[in-house]
Amino acid sequence: MSKSKVLASAISAICLVSSSSILAQDAPSVEELWEIVQAQQAELERLRSELENTRSQTQTIEIQSLENSERLEVVADVMEQGGGSGGAAWTNHTTVGGYGEMLYNNETSGSSTKELDIQRFVLFVNHEFTDNLRFVSETEIEHSYIADDARAPGAVELEQAFLQWDYADNHNVLGGMYLVPIGLLNETHEPNTFYGVERNRIESRIIPTTYRVNGFKFAGQLGGGFSYDLGIHEGLFFESGNGGELNIRDSRQSGARSDMDALGYTGRVRYTGVPGLELGLALHFQDDMTQEGSTRSNIGRDGVFDIFGNQVSGIDGLLTEAHIDYRNGPLGLRAMWAGWDIDGSIETVANNDGSQNGLGRSEQYGYYVEPSWRLASNFGVFARYEYTDEFAASDLGAAANTATRRTLLGFNYWLHPNAVFKFDYQFEDDESNKDLDGFNLGVGWQF
């Protein structure tokens, strides 16, 4: 073997051993990396001196190229492990994306309503610290315009912000703000993932989608197609105003200075063992939806009262939800039932003027059925029938004639799997004669 080849082999061995030593330890800093390269240079100089009187100019160039190549490989390996400034590693483990939609509603209810709106624009930033530890976040702007002006209905909201740790194979725990694991749309509601311009009424009024909470959640795979979610988190909080707002949707705390006198608990089991099929069952319980009669006037909540001015507390509630989501080739079917069983004491809550009281609210439920058909890979049609009743426990006074039936027919046209154009026409039969008939258009995206 020639002396130049011996030298080249020695150089490769030195660099290989050095790079292996670097990667076996914690990633070094820039200063430590420079010291390593300097040490390698000294050894290379020693070897070079042994052959300086025998090698040709060509051999000198070959050896210099080899030196440079090996040094670059060492630096690249270190940077991939998060060493040095960490700039490249940070970008490799951080993702940015988002979704949004623009909607046009042309509906009639006594008077015509024609409205064009950027209903939501969401950006998310996720970061992976290690293979089993990550951060997830979503920030949402609703209705595009935020100002101290009645014409500015917008808001900025944090939708998710949590750490998730895979503490064992197929099992994880997260802590922070997350979406409650219930229904089909609460966790996955990007506009390209469902039919219809607007979200269905059941997953808006009965399940208050988007329902986000501060808390902790355990999740995992049980095998055989079964998975579970168990969460403990902030609960709902009926609004103030002498019991004026008892709507489930309006009682979300959304992680903002949440009252924790009464916690919420959510459990879900899903089965996905058959290709194209998802079956789900979820329970959500809270032992006091008044937060033990909390009167936190500093955040605008003064408790709820009966018609005589007595404070009402101890209102527990149980939400049950079951669904099926099935796709077989071009055919699809979604169906869901969700209902609340709330303590009867809610029936005594009343406004001073008797409006929006608790009469009939101890039972609230709704369901929908939605068949669909993909006529092409990027074009599908659907029909959906919805039924909701938020005052189902009574047929007296303000609780009478509160059921709403709605039928929608429409289509989705996917310009791209993550970009969609939507159209639907709705026919509504509202027992209180407030029918909303008309059409809706939507443009949605996700990236």
Protein backbone atom coordinates (compact mmCIF):
# COMPACT_ATOMS: atom_id res chain seq x y z
CA MET A 1 0.00 0.00 0.00
CA SER A 2 1.36 3.47 -0.91
CA LYS A 3 2.18 5.96 1.78
CA SER A 4 -0.50 8.36 0.48
CA LYS A 5 -3.14 5.69 0.89
CA VAL A 6 -1.88 4.92 4.38
CA LEU A 7 -2.16 8.59 5.22
CA ALA A 8 -5.65 8.82 3.75
CA SER A 9 -6.76 5.79 5.74
CA ALA A 10 -5.32 7.25 8.90
CA ILE A 11 -7.13 10.52 8.30
CA SER A 12 -10.45 8.72 7.74
CA ALA A 13 -9.98 6.68 10.91
CA ILE A 14 -9.20 9.76 12.98
CA CYS A 15 -12.27 11.63 11.71
CA LEU A 16 -14.51 8.60 12.09
CA VAL A 17 -13.44 8.01 15.68
CA SER A 18 -13.82 11.72 16.44
CA SER A 19 -17.29 11.96 14.93
CA SER A 20 -18.44 8.81 16.75
CA SER A 21 -17.14 10.23 20.01
CA ILE A 22 -19.02 13.46 19.43
CA LEU A 23 -22.32 11.79 18.65
CA ALA A 24 -22.05 9.37 21.56
CA GLN A 25 -22.07 12.27 23.99
CA ASP A 26 -24.39 15.23 24.37
CA ALA A 27 -24.16 17.54 21.36
CA PRO A 28 -21.16 19.95 21.85
CA SER A 29 -21.21 23.69 21.61
CA VAL A 30 -19.56 25.61 18.78
CA GLU A 31 -16.46 26.22 20.96
CA GLU A 32 -16.12 22.50 21.81
CA LEU A 33 -16.58 21.58 18.17
CA TRP A 34 -13.77 23.97 17.18
CA GLU A 35 -11.41 22.42 19.74
CA ILE A 36 -12.11 18.98 18.29
CA VAL A 37 -11.38 20.18 14.75
CA GLN A 38 -8.15 21.82 15.95
CA ALA A 39 -7.02 18.56 17.56
CA GLN A 40 -7.72 16.74 14.33
CA GLN A 41 -5.68 19.34 12.45
CA ALA A 42 -2.64 18.77 14.70
CA GLU A 43 -2.73 15.04 14.06
CA LEU A 44 -3.09 15.60 10.34
CA GLU A 45 -0.07 17.90 10.36
CA ARG A 46 2.01 15.18 12.03
CA LEU A 47 1.05 12.66 9.37
CA ARG A 48 1.67 15.16 6.61
CA SER A 49 5.20 15.83 7.81
CA GLU A 50 6.09 12.14 7.45
CA LEU A 51 5.39 12.24 3.73
CA GLU A 52 6.17 15.81 2.77
CA ASN A 53 9.34 14.75 0.88
CA THR A 54 7.73 11.84 -1.03
CA ARG A 55 4.24 12.76 -2.15
CA SER A 56 3.35 14.52 -5.37
CA GLN A 57 1.27 17.64 -5.80
CA THR A 58 -1.66 15.45 -6.91
CA GLN A 59 -1.45 13.44 -3.74
CA THR A 60 -1.42 16.65 -1.70
CA ILE A 61 -4.67 17.82 -3.33
CA GLU A 62 -6.31 14.42 -2.79
CA ILE A 63 -5.41 14.41 0.89
CA GLN A 64 -6.62 18.00 1.36
CA SER A 65 -9.97 17.15 -0.26
CA LEU A 66 -10.32 14.16 2.03
CA GLU A 67 -9.59 16.30 5.07
CA ASN A 68 -12.23 18.86 4.13
CA SER A 69 -14.84 16.23 3.33
CA GLU A 70 -14.39 14.40 6.62
CA ARG A 71 -14.53 17.63 8.63
CA LEU A 72 -17.79 18.65 6.95
CA GLU A 73 -19.33 15.26 7.74
CA VAL A 74 -18.42 15.62 11.40
CA VAL A 75 -19.95 19.10 11.58
CA ALA A 76 -23.11 17.96 9.75
CA ASP A 77 -23.57 15.01 12.10
CA VAL A 78 -23.22 17.24 15.14
CA MET A 79 -25.68 19.81 13.81
CA GLU A 80 -28.24 17.10 13.10
CA GLN A 81 -28.02 16.10 16.75
CA GLY A 82 -28.84 19.64 17.87
CA GLY A 83 -25.27 20.87 18.48
CA GLY A 84 -23.79 24.26 17.68
CA SER A 85 -26.24 27.10 17.35
CA GLY A 86 -29.09 24.60 16.84
CA GLY A 87 -30.69 26.66 14.06
CA ALA A 88 -31.03 23.78 11.61
CA ALA A 89 -32.18 21.34 14.28
CA TRP A 90 -34.83 23.77 15.56
CA THR A 91 -36.40 24.16 12.13
CA ASN A 92 -36.31 20.41 11.54
CA HIS A 93 -38.39 19.80 14.68
CA THR A 94 -40.83 22.73 14.43
CA THR A 95 -43.83 22.89 12.10
CA VAL A 96 -46.09 25.80 11.21
CA GLY A 97 -49.52 25.45 9.61
CA GLY A 98 -53.10 26.50 9.87
CA TYR A 99 -56.61 26.52 8.44
CA GLY A 100 -59.44 28.93 7.79
CA GLU A 101 -62.64 29.59 5.91
CA MET A 102 -64.70 32.32 4.27
CA LEU A 103 -68.48 31.82 4.38
CA TYR A 104 -71.42 33.44 2.65
CA ASN A 105 -74.87 32.99 4.23
CA ASN A 106 -78.03 33.91 2.37
CA GLU A 107 -80.84 32.96 4.74
CA THR A 108 -84.31 34.28 5.47
CA SER A 109 -86.16 34.46 8.78
CA GLY A 110 -88.78 37.17 8.53
CA SER A 111 -86.10 39.44 7.09
CA SER A 112 -83.34 38.49 4.71
CA THR A 113 -79.79 37.96 5.99
CA LYS A 114 -76.93 38.17 3.51
CA GLU A 115 -73.50 38.01 5.11
CA LEU A 116 -69.95 37.37 3.93
CA ASP A 117 -67.43 36.59 6.64
CA ILE A 118 -63.93 35.26 7.27
CA GLN A 119 -65.36 33.18 10.05
CA ARG A 120 -62.07 31.90 11.36
CA PHE A 121 -58.37 31.97 10.61
CA VAL A 122 -56.17 29.63 12.65
CA LEU A 123 -52.40 29.29 12.86
CA PHE A 124 -50.66 26.45 14.64
CA VAL A 125 -47.07 26.03 15.77
CA ASN A 126 -45.89 22.60 16.93
CA HIS A 127 -42.49 21.58 18.22
CA GLU A 128 -40.99 18.16 18.88
CA PHE A 129 -38.48 18.23 21.75
CA THR A 130 -37.74 14.50 21.54
CA ASP A 131 -39.33 11.47 19.92
CA ASN A 132 -41.72 11.17 22.88
CA LEU A 133 -42.25 14.80 23.96
CA ARG A 134 -43.93 17.49 21.88
CA PHE A 135 -45.74 20.83 22.11
CA VAL A 136 -48.94 21.62 20.17
CA SER A 137 -50.61 25.02 19.81
CA GLU A 138 -53.35 26.75 17.83
CA THR A 139 -54.23 30.44 17.82
CA GLU A 140 -57.49 31.56 16.23
CA ILE A 141 -58.79 34.86 14.91
CA GLU A 142 -62.58 34.92 14.54
CA HIS A 143 -64.43 37.27 12.18
CA SER A 144 -61.21 38.99 11.02
CA TYR A 145 -61.70 42.43 12.63
CA ILE A 146 -61.03 43.27 16.27
CA ALA A 147 -61.54 46.77 17.66
CA ASP A 148 -63.47 48.72 20.27
CA ASP A 149 -66.32 49.11 17.85
CA ALA A 150 -69.74 47.45 17.54
CA ARG A 151 -68.95 46.79 13.90
CA ALA A 152 -65.93 44.67 14.91
CA PRO A 153 -67.23 41.26 16.07
CA GLY A 154 -63.83 39.58 16.01
CA ALA A 155 -61.83 37.91 18.76
CA VAL A 156 -58.40 36.37 19.26
CA GLU A 157 -58.52 33.03 21.05
CA LEU A 158 -56.12 30.30 22.08
CA GLU A 159 -57.60 27.02 20.90
CA GLN A 160 -54.85 24.61 21.95
CA ALA A 161 -51.57 24.84 23.87
CA PHE A 162 -50.34 21.65 25.52
CA LEU A 163 -47.39 19.38 26.13
CA GLN A 164 -47.85 15.74 25.16
CA TRP A 165 -45.61 13.01 26.58
CA ASP A 166 -45.55 9.43 25.31
CA TYR A 167 -44.80 7.81 28.65
CA ALA A 168 -45.18 4.25 27.31
CA ASP A 169 -45.70 2.48 24.00
CA ASN A 170 -49.14 3.43 22.62
CA HIS A 171 -49.99 5.58 25.67
CA ASN A 172 -49.58 9.31 26.31
CA VAL A 173 -50.57 12.08 28.67
CA LEU A 174 -50.97 15.77 27.89
CA GLY A 175 -51.33 18.88 30.00
CA GLY A 176 -52.45 22.37 29.02
CA MET A 177 -55.33 23.60 26.87
CA TYR A 178 -56.81 20.93 24.64
CA LEU A 179 -59.99 20.02 22.76
CA VAL A 180 -62.39 17.80 24.70
CA PRO A 181 -62.49 14.28 23.14
CA ILE A 182 -66.17 14.12 22.27
CA GLY A 183 -68.09 14.00 19.00
CA LEU A 184 -66.73 13.98 15.45
CA LEU A 185 -65.90 17.65 14.91
CA ASN A 186 -64.63 18.96 18.24
CA GLU A 187 -61.09 17.67 17.68
CA THR A 188 -61.07 17.56 13.87
CA HIS A 189 -62.97 20.47 12.33
CA GLU A 190 -60.80 21.77 9.50
CA PRO A 191 -63.18 22.78 6.66
CA ASN A 192 -61.82 20.25 4.17
CA THR A 193 -62.63 17.35 6.53
CA PHE A 194 -66.44 17.56 6.67
CA TYR A 195 -69.46 18.24 4.47
CA GLY A 196 -71.55 21.38 4.77
CA VAL A 197 -70.61 25.05 4.92
CA GLU A 198 -71.52 25.40 8.60
CA ARG A 199 -70.94 22.82 11.33
CA ASN A 200 -74.00 20.81 12.28
CA ARG A 201 -76.25 22.13 15.07
CA ILE A 202 -75.76 19.14 17.38
CA GLU A 203 -72.01 19.76 17.49
CA SER A 204 -72.58 23.43 18.10
CA ARG A 205 -75.44 23.67 20.61
CA ILE A 206 -75.56 20.31 22.42
CA ILE A 207 -71.82 19.61 22.20
CA PRO A 208 -70.48 23.16 22.38
CA THR A 209 -67.92 22.78 19.61
CA THR A 210 -65.30 24.12 19.67
CA TYR A 211 -65.10 23.03 23.34
CA ARG A 212 -61.58 23.63 24.68
CA VAL A 213 -60.44 23.33 28.29
CA ASN A 214 -57.46 23.58 30.61
CA GLY A 215 -56.54 20.27 32.18
CA PHE A 216 -54.92 16.88 31.71
CA LYS A 217 -55.80 13.98 29.43
CA PHE A 218 -54.61 10.37 29.18
CA ALA A 219 -55.00 8.56 25.87
CA GLY A 220 -53.84 5.38 24.24
CA GLN A 221 -54.43 2.27 22.16
CA LEU A 222 -55.90 -0.83 23.84
CA GLY A 223 -55.40 -3.23 20.95
CA GLY A 224 -57.96 -4.89 18.72
CA GLY A 225 -58.93 -1.53 17.24
CA PHE A 226 -59.97 0.01 20.56
CA SER A 227 -58.61 3.30 21.95
CA TYR A 228 -59.42 5.42 24.99
CA ASP A 229 -59.30 9.02 26.26
CA LEU A 230 -59.68 10.09 29.91
CA GLY A 231 -59.65 13.78 30.81
CA ILE A 232 -59.93 15.89 33.96
CA HIS A 233 -60.34 19.57 33.29
CA GLU A 234 -62.17 22.81 33.94
CA GLY A 235 -65.95 22.53 33.84
CA LEU A 236 -68.76 24.57 32.34
CA PHE A 237 -69.93 27.67 34.20
CA PHE A 238 -73.45 29.05 33.76
CA GLU A 239 -73.33 32.74 33.01
CA SER A 240 -74.44 35.58 35.26
CA GLY A 241 -77.19 38.15 34.79
CA ASN A 242 -79.62 36.67 37.31
CA GLY A 243 -79.65 33.35 35.48
CA GLY A 244 -80.10 34.99 32.11
CA GLU A 245 -77.85 32.68 30.08
CA LEU A 246 -78.05 28.95 30.62
CA ASN A 247 -77.08 27.88 27.11
CA ILE A 248 -74.51 25.09 27.11
CA ARG A 249 -72.48 26.90 24.46
CA ASP A 250 -72.40 30.14 26.44
CA SER A 251 -71.18 28.34 29.58
CA ARG A 252 -67.76 27.42 28.16
CA GLN A 253 -64.91 28.98 30.14
CA SER A 254 -62.41 28.53 27.27
CA GLY A 255 -59.41 28.40 29.58
CA ALA A 256 -59.67 32.07 30.56
CA ARG A 257 -59.24 32.49 34.34
CA SER A 258 -61.32 29.34 34.67
CA ASP A 259 -63.21 28.74 37.89
CA MET A 260 -62.16 25.37 39.30
CA ASP A 261 -64.66 24.88 42.15
CA ALA A 262 -66.27 22.05 40.17
CA LEU A 263 -64.21 20.03 37.70
CA GLY A 264 -65.31 18.36 34.50
CA TYR A 265 -64.55 14.74 33.59
CA THR A 266 -64.60 13.23 30.10
CA GLY A 267 -64.13 9.65 28.97
CA ARG A 268 -64.31 8.18 25.50
CA VAL A 269 -63.88 4.76 23.87
CA ARG A 270 -63.51 4.35 20.10
CA TYR A 271 -63.40 1.31 17.83
CA THR A 272 -61.60 1.52 14.46
CA GLY A 273 -60.83 -2.17 13.92
CA VAL A 274 -62.66 -2.33 10.58
CA PRO A 275 -61.20 -0.33 7.67
CA GLY A 276 -63.28 2.80 7.04
CA LEU A 277 -65.28 2.46 10.28
CA GLU A 278 -65.24 4.48 13.50
CA LEU A 279 -67.61 3.85 16.40
CA GLY A 280 -67.44 6.18 19.39
CA LEU A 281 -69.04 6.54 22.82
CA ALA A 282 -68.24 9.44 25.17
CA LEU A 283 -69.43 10.63 28.59
CA HIS A 284 -68.87 14.09 30.04
CA PHE A 285 -69.81 14.76 33.68
CA GLN A 286 -69.78 17.78 35.97
CA ASP A 287 -71.07 17.78 39.54
CA ASP A 288 -71.95 21.49 39.67
CA MET A 289 -72.39 23.60 36.57
CA THR A 290 -72.75 26.74 38.72
CA GLN A 291 -69.22 26.21 40.09
CA GLU A 292 -70.65 25.80 43.60
CA GLY A 293 -72.60 29.01 43.29
CA SER A 294 -69.49 31.03 42.51
CA THR A 295 -70.04 34.79 42.41
CA ARG A 296 -66.92 36.04 40.66
CA SER A 297 -68.17 39.45 39.64
CA ASN A 298 -64.63 40.43 38.61
CA ILE A 299 -65.07 38.27 35.51
CA GLY A 300 -68.74 39.01 35.02
CA ARG A 301 -70.32 36.01 36.73
CA ASP A 302 -72.69 36.63 39.63
CA GLY A 303 -74.32 33.24 40.00
CA VAL A 304 -77.80 32.06 38.99
CA PHE A 305 -81.04 32.66 40.89
CA ASP A 306 -84.62 31.50 40.97
CA ILE A 307 -87.64 33.71 40.38
CA PHE A 308 -87.62 34.75 44.05
CA GLY A 309 -83.99 35.88 43.98
CA ASN A 310 -82.60 32.83 45.79
CA GLN A 311 -79.28 31.58 44.53
CA VAL A 312 -79.32 28.17 42.83
CA SER A 313 -76.30 25.85 42.98
CA GLY A 314 -75.47 22.15 42.88
CA ILE A 315 -76.67 21.69 39.29
CA ASP A 316 -74.93 18.57 38.01
CA GLY A 317 -74.98 17.45 34.40
CA LEU A 318 -74.14 14.41 32.28
CA LEU A 319 -73.59 14.58 28.53
CA THR A 320 -73.72 11.32 26.57
CA GLU A 321 -72.60 11.09 22.94
CA ALA A 322 -72.50 8.20 20.46
CA HIS A 323 -71.54 8.25 16.80
CA ILE A 324 -70.70 6.25 13.70
CA ASP A 325 -68.49 7.37 10.84
CA TYR A 326 -68.28 4.88 7.97
CA ARG A 327 -66.83 5.02 4.49
CA ASN A 328 -66.86 2.24 1.92
CA GLY A 329 -65.46 3.31 -1.42
CA PRO A 330 -67.43 6.36 -2.62
CA LEU A 331 -70.21 5.91 -0.05
CA GLY A 332 -70.09 7.52 3.37
CA LEU A 333 -72.33 7.75 6.41
CA ARG A 334 -72.12 9.82 9.58
CA ALA A 335 -74.66 9.68 12.37
CA MET A 336 -74.63 11.02 15.91
CA TRP A 337 -76.79 11.33 19.00
CA ALA A 338 -75.92 13.58 21.95
CA GLY A 339 -77.96 14.55 24.99
CA TRP A 340 -77.74 16.24 28.40
CA ASP A 341 -79.31 15.01 31.63
CA ILE A 342 -79.14 18.01 33.99
CA ASP A 343 -80.27 18.28 37.61
CA GLY A 344 -83.90 19.35 37.88
CA SER A 345 -83.02 22.41 39.96
CA ILE A 346 -82.12 24.16 36.72
CA GLU A 347 -85.86 24.32 36.04
CA THR A 348 -86.24 26.91 38.83
CA VAL A 349 -83.72 29.38 37.38
CA ALA A 350 -85.34 32.45 35.84
CA ASN A 351 -84.59 35.91 34.54
CA ASN A 352 -86.22 38.96 36.05
CA ASP A 353 -88.27 39.26 32.87
CA GLY A 354 -88.94 35.52 32.69
CA SER A 355 -87.03 35.06 29.43
CA GLN A 356 -84.29 32.51 28.72
CA ASN A 357 -85.05 30.72 31.97
CA GLY A 358 -84.25 27.17 33.01
CA LEU A 359 -87.68 25.72 32.34
CA GLY A 360 -87.25 22.61 30.19
CA ARG A 361 -83.44 22.70 30.23
CA SER A 362 -82.94 19.61 32.37
CA GLU A 363 -83.14 17.59 29.15
CA GLN A 364 -81.40 18.73 25.97
CA TYR A 365 -80.58 16.53 23.03
CA GLY A 366 -80.11 16.29 19.31
CA TYR A 367 -79.13 13.92 16.52
CA TYR A 368 -78.23 13.93 12.85
CA VAL A 369 -77.84 11.51 9.95
CA GLU A 370 -75.60 12.37 7.01
CA PRO A 371 -75.16 10.08 3.98
CA SER A 372 -72.66 11.16 1.32
CA TRP A 373 -71.40 9.98 -2.04
CA ARG A 374 -68.11 10.74 -3.76
CA LEU A 375 -68.98 11.08 -7.44
CA ALA A 376 -65.28 11.64 -8.17
CA SER A 377 -62.10 11.77 -6.14
CA ASN A 378 -62.50 15.53 -5.71
CA PHE A 379 -66.30 15.94 -5.78
CA GLY A 380 -68.90 14.68 -3.32
CA VAL A 381 -72.56 15.30 -2.55
CA PHE A 382 -74.33 14.92 0.78
CA ALA A 383 -77.64 15.22 2.58
CA ARG A 384 -78.04 15.84 6.30
CA TYR A 385 -81.05 15.76 8.61
CA GLU A 386 -80.68 17.41 12.02
CA TYR A 387 -82.94 17.56 15.07
CA THR A 388 -82.25 19.63 18.20
CA ASP A 389 -84.25 20.55 21.30
CA GLU A 390 -82.60 22.54 24.10
CA PHE A 391 -85.77 22.66 26.26
CA ALA A 392 -86.89 19.06 25.88
CA ALA A 393 -88.00 18.53 29.51
CA SER A 394 -91.05 20.77 29.33
CA ASP A 395 -93.70 22.03 26.96
CA LEU A 396 -94.84 24.96 29.09
CA GLY A 397 -94.35 28.69 28.59
CA ALA A 398 -91.03 29.65 27.06
CA ALA A 399 -90.06 25.97 26.81
CA ALA A 400 -92.90 25.16 24.42
CA ASN A 401 -92.24 24.62 20.71
CA THR A 402 -88.45 24.65 20.97
CA ALA A 403 -87.50 21.80 18.64
CA THR A 404 -85.78 22.56 15.33
CA ARG A 405 -85.56 20.26 12.32
CA ARG A 406 -83.16 21.10 9.52
CA THR A 407 -82.44 19.40 6.20
CA LEU A 408 -79.41 20.28 4.11
CA LEU A 409 -78.44 19.26 0.58
CA GLY A 410 -75.13 20.22 -0.95
CA PHE A 411 -71.70 19.35 -2.28
CA ASN A 412 -67.97 19.71 -1.63
CA TYR A 413 -65.51 20.32 -4.44
CA TRP A 414 -61.90 19.76 -3.40
CA LEU A 415 -59.53 21.90 -5.49
CA HIS A 416 -56.81 20.06 -3.56
CA PRO A 417 -57.09 17.59 -0.67
CA ASN A 418 -56.49 20.58 1.63
CA ALA A 419 -58.53 23.23 -0.23
CA VAL A 420 -62.29 23.01 -0.70
CA PHE A 421 -65.25 24.89 -2.15
CA LYS A 422 -68.64 24.15 -0.51
CA PHE A 423 -72.30 24.76 -1.25
CA ASP A 424 -75.49 23.76 0.55
CA TYR A 425 -79.15 24.67 0.71
CA GLN A 426 -81.02 24.35 3.98
CA PHE A 427 -84.69 23.83 4.74
CA GLU A 428 -85.60 24.52 8.35
CA ASP A 429 -88.72 23.68 10.33
CA ASP A 430 -88.58 25.58 13.60
CA GLU A 431 -91.51 25.02 15.97
CA SER A 432 -91.24 28.65 17.11
CA ASN A 433 -91.73 29.77 13.48
CA LYS A 434 -88.24 31.17 13.07
CA ASP A 435 -87.32 29.09 10.06
CA LEU A 436 -83.96 29.80 8.43
CA ASP A 437 -84.21 28.75 4.79
CA GLY A 438 -81.59 29.65 2.20
CA PHE A 439 -78.21 28.76 0.79
CA ASN A 440 -74.61 28.93 2.01
CA LEU A 441 -71.28 29.09 0.20
CA GLY A 442 -67.88 28.43 1.66
CA VAL A 443 -64.18 28.36 0.80
CA GLY A 444 -61.86 26.54 3.17
CA TRP A 445 -58.18 25.62 3.40
CA GLN A 446 -55.69 23.77 5.56
CA PHE A 447 -51.91 23.64 5.34
